[in-house]
C-alpha cells in the first residue's frame, strides 16, 4: 500500500508505503497525528486530498466497510471501547467482520461460524472457557487476540495495529509480538503504531516518525535508535529553539 500527499484536518502532505510482508512502525510524541492517520486510511475520518494506492490502483475509502472490502484492517488502540463489544461472546466479536461470508439468504450459518472462528481462536491460543464466553471477562491479552482473530478471518492485505500491547502483561506481549511476526511472514503488510520504543525498534523493518501531523523522517532498521527517533519526533521544537534570538547578557 502507498499513501501519497495525504492531507486532512490533522495532516499535511503525508506520504509513505508499506510492502507485503513488512512491518512499518510509526513513532512520535503524543499528538503527532498517528492514530488520526490510521483512522483516515480506514475511512473513519475523511481526507481532504491525496491518494491511497493498493495493488497499483488508487482506491476510494469513505467508511470502514469500504476499507475492509478493499483489504485494509484496523485494530484500534482502545479495544474495550472501539475494538470489542464486551457484552458479546468471543465468537460474536471474532466473526463480526465476516458475517456476510458466513451467511446464506441473510441467515448466519452457525455451524460454519463456529468451525471457522474456532480455528483462529485456537491458532492464536486465546485462553477462554468457550467461544460463548463474554469478551469482557477475558484478560487484556486475550481480548487483543480476539481482535487479531477477527482480522485473520478477514484476511486483509494491510493491517493497522494501534498500540497493540497497551495494558497487556509482559507474557502476553511476547505472544502478541510473535503473532505480528507470523502475520508479516505470511505476507501481510503491517502498520504498527506504538508509543513503546522497544516495541517499535524490535519489530519494525522501517520506522516513520511524525510530529504535528506530518512525517519528519524515515529510518531503516539499522538507522532506528531511541536517539534518532526522538530527534525526528522533536525536530520542530529544535528548529524553533535554534531560531530564537540569544538572550541579552
C-alpha atoms as a PDB file:
ATOM      1  CA  UNK A   1       0.000   0.000   0.000  1.00  0.00           C
ATOM      2  CA  UNK A   2       1.163   3.509  -0.765  1.00  0.00           C
ATOM      3  CA  UNK A   3      -0.168   6.821   0.545  1.00  0.00           C
ATOM      4  CA  UNK A   4       0.695   9.941  -1.465  1.00  0.00           C
ATOM      5  CA  UNK A   5       0.391  13.572  -0.390  1.00  0.00           C
ATOM      6  CA  UNK A   6      -2.418  12.940   2.072  1.00  0.00           C
ATOM      7  CA  UNK A   7      -3.969  15.994   3.682  1.00  0.00           C
ATOM      8  CA  UNK A   8      -6.702  16.045   6.301  1.00  0.00           C
ATOM      9  CA  UNK A   9      -7.840  18.131   9.236  1.00  0.00           C
ATOM     10  CA  UNK A  10      -4.878  16.670  11.144  1.00  0.00           C
ATOM     11  CA  UNK A  11      -2.260  16.055   8.442  1.00  0.00           C
ATOM     12  CA  UNK A  12      -0.048  17.874   5.957  1.00  0.00           C
ATOM     13  CA  UNK A  13       1.304  16.201   2.845  1.00  0.00           C
ATOM     14  CA  UNK A  14       1.813  12.714   4.329  1.00  0.00           C
ATOM     15  CA  UNK A  15       3.419  10.127   2.021  1.00  0.00           C
ATOM     16  CA  UNK A  16       4.600   6.622   2.912  1.00  0.00           C
ATOM     17  CA  UNK A  17       4.428   2.999   1.779  1.00  0.00           C
ATOM     18  CA  UNK A  18       4.258  -0.477   3.282  1.00  0.00           C
ATOM     19  CA  UNK A  19       5.212  -3.594   1.346  1.00  0.00           C
ATOM     20  CA  UNK A  20       3.644  -7.033   1.630  1.00  0.00           C
ATOM     21  CA  UNK A  21       5.319  -8.936   4.452  1.00  0.00           C
ATOM     22  CA  UNK A  22       6.748  -5.776   6.006  1.00  0.00           C
ATOM     23  CA  UNK A  23       6.230  -4.270   9.459  1.00  0.00           C
ATOM     24  CA  UNK A  24       6.377  -0.482   9.258  1.00  0.00           C
ATOM     25  CA  UNK A  25       6.487   1.388  12.541  1.00  0.00           C
ATOM     26  CA  UNK A  26       5.014   4.828  13.215  1.00  0.00           C
ATOM     27  CA  UNK A  27       6.586   6.658  16.128  1.00  0.00           C
ATOM     28  CA  UNK A  28       6.074  10.121  17.571  1.00  0.00           C
ATOM     29  CA  UNK A  29       5.098  12.011  20.677  1.00  0.00           C
ATOM     30  CA  UNK A  30       1.506  12.346  21.892  1.00  0.00           C
ATOM     31  CA  UNK A  31      -0.479  14.492  19.462  1.00  0.00           C
ATOM     32  CA  UNK A  32       1.714  13.704  16.452  1.00  0.00           C
ATOM     33  CA  UNK A  33      -1.311  12.525  14.442  1.00  0.00           C
ATOM     34  CA  UNK A  34      -0.589   8.793  14.164  1.00  0.00           C
ATOM     35  CA  UNK A  35      -3.957   7.470  15.357  1.00  0.00           C
ATOM     36  CA  UNK A  36      -5.766  10.056  13.245  1.00  0.00           C
ATOM     37  CA  UNK A  37      -3.752   8.912  10.211  1.00  0.00           C
ATOM     38  CA  UNK A  38      -4.842   5.327  10.828  1.00  0.00           C
ATOM     39  CA  UNK A  39      -8.475   6.417  11.040  1.00  0.00           C
ATOM     40  CA  UNK A  40      -8.226   8.451   7.821  1.00  0.00           C
ATOM     41  CA  UNK A  41      -6.822   5.432   5.949  1.00  0.00           C
ATOM     42  CA  UNK A  42      -9.510   3.197   7.476  1.00  0.00           C
ATOM     43  CA  UNK A  43     -12.310   5.563   6.485  1.00  0.00           C
ATOM     44  CA  UNK A  44     -13.367   6.668   9.968  1.00  0.00           C
ATOM     45  CA  UNK A  45     -12.126  10.196   9.226  1.00  0.00           C
ATOM     46  CA  UNK A  46     -12.211  11.986   5.887  1.00  0.00           C
ATOM     47  CA  UNK A  47      -9.166  13.075   3.931  1.00  0.00           C
ATOM     48  CA  UNK A  48      -9.153  16.405   2.103  1.00  0.00           C
ATOM     49  CA  UNK A  49      -6.786  15.337  -0.659  1.00  0.00           C
ATOM     50  CA  UNK A  50      -4.160  12.754  -1.563  1.00  0.00           C
ATOM     51  CA  UNK A  51      -4.121   9.182  -2.811  1.00  0.00           C
ATOM     52  CA  UNK A  52      -4.306   5.732  -1.253  1.00  0.00           C
ATOM     53  CA  UNK A  53      -2.946   3.109  -3.642  1.00  0.00           C
ATOM     54  CA  UNK A  54      -3.295  -0.642  -3.184  1.00  0.00           C
ATOM     55  CA  UNK A  55      -2.010  -3.237  -5.666  1.00  0.00           C
ATOM     56  CA  UNK A  56      -1.129  -0.442  -8.076  1.00  0.00           C
ATOM     57  CA  UNK A  57      -4.655   1.011  -8.135  1.00  0.00           C
ATOM     58  CA  UNK A  58      -5.933   4.141  -6.442  1.00  0.00           C
ATOM     59  CA  UNK A  59      -8.763   3.250  -4.087  1.00  0.00           C
ATOM     60  CA  UNK A  60     -11.550   5.336  -2.569  1.00  0.00           C
ATOM     61  CA  UNK A  61     -12.400   4.715   1.080  1.00  0.00           C
ATOM     62  CA  UNK A  62     -15.369   6.574   2.521  1.00  0.00           C
ATOM     63  CA  UNK A  63     -16.069   4.360   5.526  1.00  0.00           C
ATOM     64  CA  UNK A  64     -14.635   1.323   7.372  1.00  0.00           C
ATOM     65  CA  UNK A  65     -16.817  -1.120   5.404  1.00  0.00           C
ATOM     66  CA  UNK A  66     -15.170   0.039   2.184  1.00  0.00           C
ATOM     67  CA  UNK A  67     -11.736  -0.235   3.808  1.00  0.00           C
ATOM     68  CA  UNK A  68     -12.401  -3.846   4.812  1.00  0.00           C
ATOM     69  CA  UNK A  69     -13.742  -4.668   1.350  1.00  0.00           C
ATOM     70  CA  UNK A  70     -10.583  -3.203  -0.229  1.00  0.00           C
ATOM     71  CA  UNK A  71      -8.314  -5.223   2.079  1.00  0.00           C
ATOM     72  CA  UNK A  72      -7.461  -2.865   4.960  1.00  0.00           C
ATOM     73  CA  UNK A  73      -7.990  -3.816   8.600  1.00  0.00           C
ATOM     74  CA  UNK A  74      -7.639  -1.721  11.750  1.00  0.00           C
ATOM     75  CA  UNK A  75      -7.172  -2.835  15.366  1.00  0.00           C
ATOM     76  CA  UNK A  76      -7.776   0.354  17.411  1.00  0.00           C
ATOM     77  CA  UNK A  77      -5.890   1.451  20.498  1.00  0.00           C
ATOM     78  CA  UNK A  78      -8.944   1.340  22.775  1.00  0.00           C
ATOM     79  CA  UNK A  79     -10.048  -2.251  22.284  1.00  0.00           C
ATOM     80  CA  UNK A  80     -12.615  -2.018  25.113  1.00  0.00           C
ATOM     81  CA  UNK A  81     -14.455   0.937  23.529  1.00  0.00           C
ATOM     82  CA  UNK A  82     -13.738   0.516  19.818  1.00  0.00           C
ATOM     83  CA  UNK A  83     -12.312  -2.945  19.206  1.00  0.00           C
ATOM     84  CA  UNK A  84     -14.739  -5.205  21.051  1.00  0.00           C
ATOM     85  CA  UNK A  85     -18.328  -5.387  22.221  1.00  0.00           C
ATOM     86  CA  UNK A  86     -17.552  -6.576  25.739  1.00  0.00           C
ATOM     87  CA  UNK A  87     -21.005  -7.999  26.477  1.00  0.00           C
ATOM     88  CA  UNK A  88     -20.923 -10.125  23.326  1.00  0.00           C
ATOM     89  CA  UNK A  89     -19.252 -13.522  23.137  1.00  0.00           C
ATOM     90  CA  UNK A  90     -15.777 -14.315  21.866  1.00  0.00           C
ATOM     91  CA  UNK A  91     -17.430 -15.944  18.847  1.00  0.00           C
ATOM     92  CA  UNK A  92     -19.597 -12.922  18.014  1.00  0.00           C
ATOM     93  CA  UNK A  93     -16.681 -10.495  18.369  1.00  0.00           C
ATOM     94  CA  UNK A  94     -14.326 -12.583  16.273  1.00  0.00           C
ATOM     95  CA  UNK A  95     -16.794 -13.204  13.438  1.00  0.00           C
ATOM     96  CA  UNK A  96     -18.458  -9.781  13.122  1.00  0.00           C
ATOM     97  CA  UNK A  97     -16.293  -8.647  10.178  1.00  0.00           C
ATOM     98  CA  UNK A  98     -17.084 -11.715   8.021  1.00  0.00           C
ATOM     99  CA  UNK A  99     -20.783 -12.256   8.723  1.00  0.00           C
ATOM    100  CA  UNK A 100     -21.624 -11.749   5.050  1.00  0.00           C
ATOM    101  CA  UNK A 101     -19.247 -14.568   4.122  1.00  0.00           C
ATOM    102  CA  UNK A 102     -20.750 -16.800   6.806  1.00  0.00           C
ATOM    103  CA  UNK A 103     -24.358 -16.121   5.787  1.00  0.00           C
ATOM    104  CA  UNK A 104     -26.736 -17.620   3.254  1.00  0.00           C
ATOM    105  CA  UNK A 105     -30.048 -15.973   2.424  1.00  0.00           C
ATOM    106  CA  UNK A 106     -29.391 -13.456   5.230  1.00  0.00           C
ATOM    107  CA  UNK A 107     -29.057 -16.183   7.866  1.00  0.00           C
ATOM    108  CA  UNK A 108     -25.754 -16.843   9.613  1.00  0.00           C
ATOM    109  CA  UNK A 109     -24.638 -20.438   9.212  1.00  0.00           C
ATOM    110  CA  UNK A 110     -23.918 -21.027  12.893  1.00  0.00           C
ATOM    111  CA  UNK A 111     -22.002 -24.260  12.443  1.00  0.00           C
ATOM    112  CA  UNK A 112     -19.725 -22.714   9.820  1.00  0.00           C
ATOM    113  CA  UNK A 113     -19.246 -19.648  12.034  1.00  0.00           C
ATOM    114  CA  UNK A 114     -18.215 -21.784  14.997  1.00  0.00           C
ATOM    115  CA  UNK A 115     -15.895 -24.010  12.951  1.00  0.00           C
ATOM    116  CA  UNK A 116     -14.249 -21.090  11.148  1.00  0.00           C
ATOM    117  CA  UNK A 117     -13.681 -18.879  14.161  1.00  0.00           C
ATOM    118  CA  UNK A 118     -12.726 -21.821  16.370  1.00  0.00           C
ATOM    119  CA  UNK A 119      -9.725 -22.405  14.103  1.00  0.00           C
ATOM    120  CA  UNK A 120      -8.493 -18.837  14.518  1.00  0.00           C
ATOM    121  CA  UNK A 121      -9.144 -18.734  18.263  1.00  0.00           C
ATOM    122  CA  UNK A 122      -7.172 -21.972  18.624  1.00  0.00           C
ATOM    123  CA  UNK A 123      -4.342 -20.725  16.421  1.00  0.00           C
ATOM    124  CA  UNK A 124      -3.959 -17.549  18.484  1.00  0.00           C
ATOM    125  CA  UNK A 125      -4.128 -19.547  21.717  1.00  0.00           C
ATOM    126  CA  UNK A 126      -6.962 -17.449  23.139  1.00  0.00           C
ATOM    127  CA  UNK A 127      -7.447 -18.614  26.708  1.00  0.00           C
ATOM    128  CA  UNK A 128     -11.206 -18.837  27.100  1.00  0.00           C
ATOM    129  CA  UNK A 129     -13.520 -21.473  28.619  1.00  0.00           C
ATOM    130  CA  UNK A 130     -15.509 -21.490  25.366  1.00  0.00           C
ATOM    131  CA  UNK A 131     -16.377 -19.457  22.289  1.00  0.00           C
ATOM    132  CA  UNK A 132     -19.515 -18.370  24.140  1.00  0.00           C
ATOM    133  CA  UNK A 133     -17.592 -16.592  26.910  1.00  0.00           C
ATOM    134  CA  UNK A 134     -18.218 -12.839  27.165  1.00  0.00           C
ATOM    135  CA  UNK A 135     -15.244 -10.966  25.708  1.00  0.00           C
ATOM    136  CA  UNK A 136     -15.286  -8.564  28.651  1.00  0.00           C
ATOM    137  CA  UNK A 137     -14.391 -11.395  31.036  1.00  0.00           C
ATOM    138  CA  UNK A 138     -11.111 -12.170  29.251  1.00  0.00           C
ATOM    139  CA  UNK A 139      -7.721 -10.731  30.183  1.00  0.00           C
ATOM    140  CA  UNK A 140      -6.371  -7.795  28.160  1.00  0.00           C
ATOM    141  CA  UNK A 141      -4.011 -10.046  26.237  1.00  0.00           C
ATOM    142  CA  UNK A 142      -6.752 -12.487  25.301  1.00  0.00           C
ATOM    143  CA  UNK A 143      -9.065  -9.653  24.295  1.00  0.00           C
ATOM    144  CA  UNK A 144      -6.398  -8.412  21.893  1.00  0.00           C
ATOM    145  CA  UNK A 145      -6.038 -11.922  20.487  1.00  0.00           C
ATOM    146  CA  UNK A 146      -9.775 -11.956  19.758  1.00  0.00           C
ATOM    147  CA  UNK A 147      -9.350  -8.701  17.798  1.00  0.00           C
ATOM    148  CA  UNK A 148      -6.474 -10.273  15.850  1.00  0.00           C
ATOM    149  CA  UNK A 149      -8.535 -13.422  15.235  1.00  0.00           C
ATOM    150  CA  UNK A 150     -11.185 -11.234  13.604  1.00  0.00           C
ATOM    151  CA  UNK A 151      -8.634  -9.823  11.174  1.00  0.00           C
ATOM    152  CA  UNK A 152      -7.076 -13.208  10.466  1.00  0.00           C
ATOM    153  CA  UNK A 153     -10.523 -14.326   9.345  1.00  0.00           C
ATOM    154  CA  UNK A 154     -10.928 -11.270   7.111  1.00  0.00           C
ATOM    155  CA  UNK A 155      -7.517 -11.911   5.507  1.00  0.00           C
ATOM    156  CA  UNK A 156      -6.680  -8.255   4.749  1.00  0.00           C
ATOM    157  CA  UNK A 157      -3.700  -7.131   2.689  1.00  0.00           C
ATOM    158  CA  UNK A 158      -2.774  -4.393   5.168  1.00  0.00           C
ATOM    159  CA  UNK A 159      -3.422  -4.429   8.906  1.00  0.00           C
ATOM    160  CA  UNK A 160      -3.060  -1.295  11.043  1.00  0.00           C
ATOM    161  CA  UNK A 161      -2.256  -2.011  14.697  1.00  0.00           C
ATOM    162  CA  UNK A 162      -2.635   0.974  17.030  1.00  0.00           C
ATOM    163  CA  UNK A 163      -0.868   0.409  20.375  1.00  0.00           C
ATOM    164  CA  UNK A 164      -1.454  -3.371  20.166  1.00  0.00           C
ATOM    165  CA  UNK A 165       0.059  -4.210  23.573  1.00  0.00           C
ATOM    166  CA  UNK A 166      -1.215  -1.330  25.686  1.00  0.00           C
ATOM    167  CA  UNK A 167      -2.477  -2.621  29.034  1.00  0.00           C
ATOM    168  CA  UNK A 168      -1.187  -6.148  28.411  1.00  0.00           C
ATOM    169  CA  UNK A 169       1.150  -8.050  30.753  1.00  0.00           C
ATOM    170  CA  UNK A 170       4.699  -8.964  29.750  1.00  0.00           C
ATOM    171  CA  UNK A 171       3.956 -12.605  28.948  1.00  0.00           C
ATOM    172  CA  UNK A 172       1.021 -11.737  26.701  1.00  0.00           C
ATOM    173  CA  UNK A 173       3.100  -9.045  24.973  1.00  0.00           C
ATOM    174  CA  UNK A 174       5.628 -11.649  23.877  1.00  0.00           C
ATOM    175  CA  UNK A 175       2.815 -13.720  22.358  1.00  0.00           C
ATOM    176  CA  UNK A 176       1.391 -10.696  20.512  1.00  0.00           C
ATOM    177  CA  UNK A 177       4.864  -9.884  19.143  1.00  0.00           C
ATOM    178  CA  UNK A 178       5.208 -13.442  17.881  1.00  0.00           C
ATOM    179  CA  UNK A 179       1.795 -13.244  16.194  1.00  0.00           C
ATOM    180  CA  UNK A 180       2.682  -9.954  14.497  1.00  0.00           C
ATOM    181  CA  UNK A 181       5.881 -11.524  13.145  1.00  0.00           C
ATOM    182  CA  UNK A 182       3.954 -14.568  11.922  1.00  0.00           C
ATOM    183  CA  UNK A 183       1.409 -12.404  10.105  1.00  0.00           C
ATOM    184  CA  UNK A 184       4.170 -10.457   8.355  1.00  0.00           C
ATOM    185  CA  UNK A 185       5.922 -13.684   7.386  1.00  0.00           C
ATOM    186  CA  UNK A 186       2.668 -14.805   5.744  1.00  0.00           C
ATOM    187  CA  UNK A 187       2.740 -11.716   3.515  1.00  0.00           C
ATOM    188  CA  UNK A 188       0.574  -9.267   5.426  1.00  0.00           C
ATOM    189  CA  UNK A 189       1.671  -5.622   5.340  1.00  0.00           C
ATOM    190  CA  UNK A 190       1.540  -4.270   8.895  1.00  0.00           C
ATOM    191  CA  UNK A 191       1.438  -0.661  10.066  1.00  0.00           C
ATOM    192  CA  UNK A 192       2.483  -0.625  13.722  1.00  0.00           C
ATOM    193  CA  UNK A 193       1.667   2.483  15.767  1.00  0.00           C
ATOM    194  CA  UNK A 194       3.294   2.346  19.181  1.00  0.00           C
ATOM    195  CA  UNK A 195       4.492   4.687  21.905  1.00  0.00           C
ATOM    196  CA  UNK A 196       6.731   1.955  23.302  1.00  0.00           C
ATOM    197  CA  UNK A 197      10.190   2.500  21.857  1.00  0.00           C
ATOM    198  CA  UNK A 198      11.447  -1.095  22.390  1.00  0.00           C
ATOM    199  CA  UNK A 199       8.353  -2.351  20.554  1.00  0.00           C
ATOM    200  CA  UNK A 200       8.995  -0.137  17.525  1.00  0.00           C
ATOM    201  CA  UNK A 201      12.734  -0.813  17.419  1.00  0.00           C
ATOM    202  CA  UNK A 202      12.301  -4.546  17.973  1.00  0.00           C
ATOM    203  CA  UNK A 203       9.546  -5.246  15.435  1.00  0.00           C
ATOM    204  CA  UNK A 204       9.683  -2.671  12.641  1.00  0.00           C
ATOM    205  CA  UNK A 205      11.595  -3.148   9.379  1.00  0.00           C
ATOM    206  CA  UNK A 206      11.367   0.622   8.834  1.00  0.00           C
ATOM    207  CA  UNK A 207      10.192   3.480  11.035  1.00  0.00           C
ATOM    208  CA  UNK A 208       8.376   6.671  10.066  1.00  0.00           C
ATOM    209  CA  UNK A 209       8.446   9.433  12.666  1.00  0.00           C
ATOM    210  CA  UNK A 210       5.659  12.014  12.917  1.00  0.00           C
ATOM    211  CA  UNK A 211       5.254  15.414  14.534  1.00  0.00           C
ATOM    212  CA  UNK A 212       2.422  17.914  14.211  1.00  0.00           C
ATOM    213  CA  UNK A 213       0.597  15.908  11.549  1.00  0.00           C
ATOM    214  CA  UNK A 214       3.494  15.372   9.175  1.00  0.00           C
ATOM    215  CA  UNK A 215       6.218  12.801   8.647  1.00  0.00           C
ATOM    216  CA  UNK A 216       9.546  14.252   9.759  1.00  0.00           C
ATOM    217  CA  UNK A 217      11.709  11.316   8.704  1.00  0.00           C
ATOM    218  CA  UNK A 218      12.059   7.668   7.705  1.00  0.00           C
ATOM    219  CA  UNK A 219      14.596   5.324   9.300  1.00  0.00           C
ATOM    220  CA  UNK A 220      15.768   1.860   8.293  1.00  0.00           C
ATOM    221  CA  UNK A 221      16.018  -0.843  10.955  1.00  0.00           C
ATOM    222  CA  UNK A 222      19.753  -0.153  11.132  1.00  0.00           C
ATOM    223  CA  UNK A 223      19.295   3.619  11.467  1.00  0.00           C
ATOM    224  CA  UNK A 224      16.483   3.444  14.026  1.00  0.00           C
ATOM    225  CA  UNK A 225      17.693   4.063  17.561  1.00  0.00           C
ATOM    226  CA  UNK A 226      15.994   5.737  20.500  1.00  0.00           C
ATOM    227  CA  UNK A 227      18.104   8.856  19.912  1.00  0.00           C
ATOM    228  CA  UNK A 228      17.431   9.079  16.153  1.00  0.00           C
ATOM    229  CA  UNK A 229      13.685   8.554  16.614  1.00  0.00           C
ATOM    230  CA  UNK A 230      13.417  11.160  19.388  1.00  0.00           C
ATOM    231  CA  UNK A 231      15.387  13.690  17.350  1.00  0.00           C
ATOM    232  CA  UNK A 232      12.904  13.393  14.483  1.00  0.00           C
ATOM    233  CA  UNK A 233       9.942  13.394  16.887  1.00  0.00           C
ATOM    234  CA  UNK A 234      11.066  16.789  18.221  1.00  0.00           C
ATOM    235  CA  UNK A 235      12.530  18.338  15.078  1.00  0.00           C
ATOM    236  CA  UNK A 236      10.028  21.226  15.006  1.00  0.00           C
ATOM    237  CA  UNK A 237      10.780  22.064  18.633  1.00  0.00           C
ATOM    238  CA  UNK A 238      14.501  22.019  17.942  1.00  0.00           C
ATOM    239  CA  UNK A 239      14.064  24.292  14.912  1.00  0.00           C
ATOM    240  CA  UNK A 240      12.127  26.833  16.981  1.00  0.00           C
ATOM    241  CA  UNK A 241      14.735  26.648  19.715  1.00  0.00           C
ATOM    242  CA  UNK A 242      17.574  27.156  17.226  1.00  0.00           C
ATOM    243  CA  UNK A 243      15.787  30.138  15.709  1.00  0.00           C
ATOM    244  CA  UNK A 244      15.261  32.010  18.961  1.00  0.00           C
ATOM    245  CA  UNK A 245      17.440  35.048  19.488  1.00  0.00           C
ATOM    246  CA  UNK A 246      20.019  34.729  22.217  1.00  0.00           C
ATOM    247  CA  UNK A 247      19.074  36.367  25.486  1.00  0.00           C
ATOM    248  CA  UNK A 248      20.840  39.615  26.320  1.00  0.00           C
ATOM    249  CA  UNK A 249      23.645  39.174  28.783  1.00  0.00           C
END
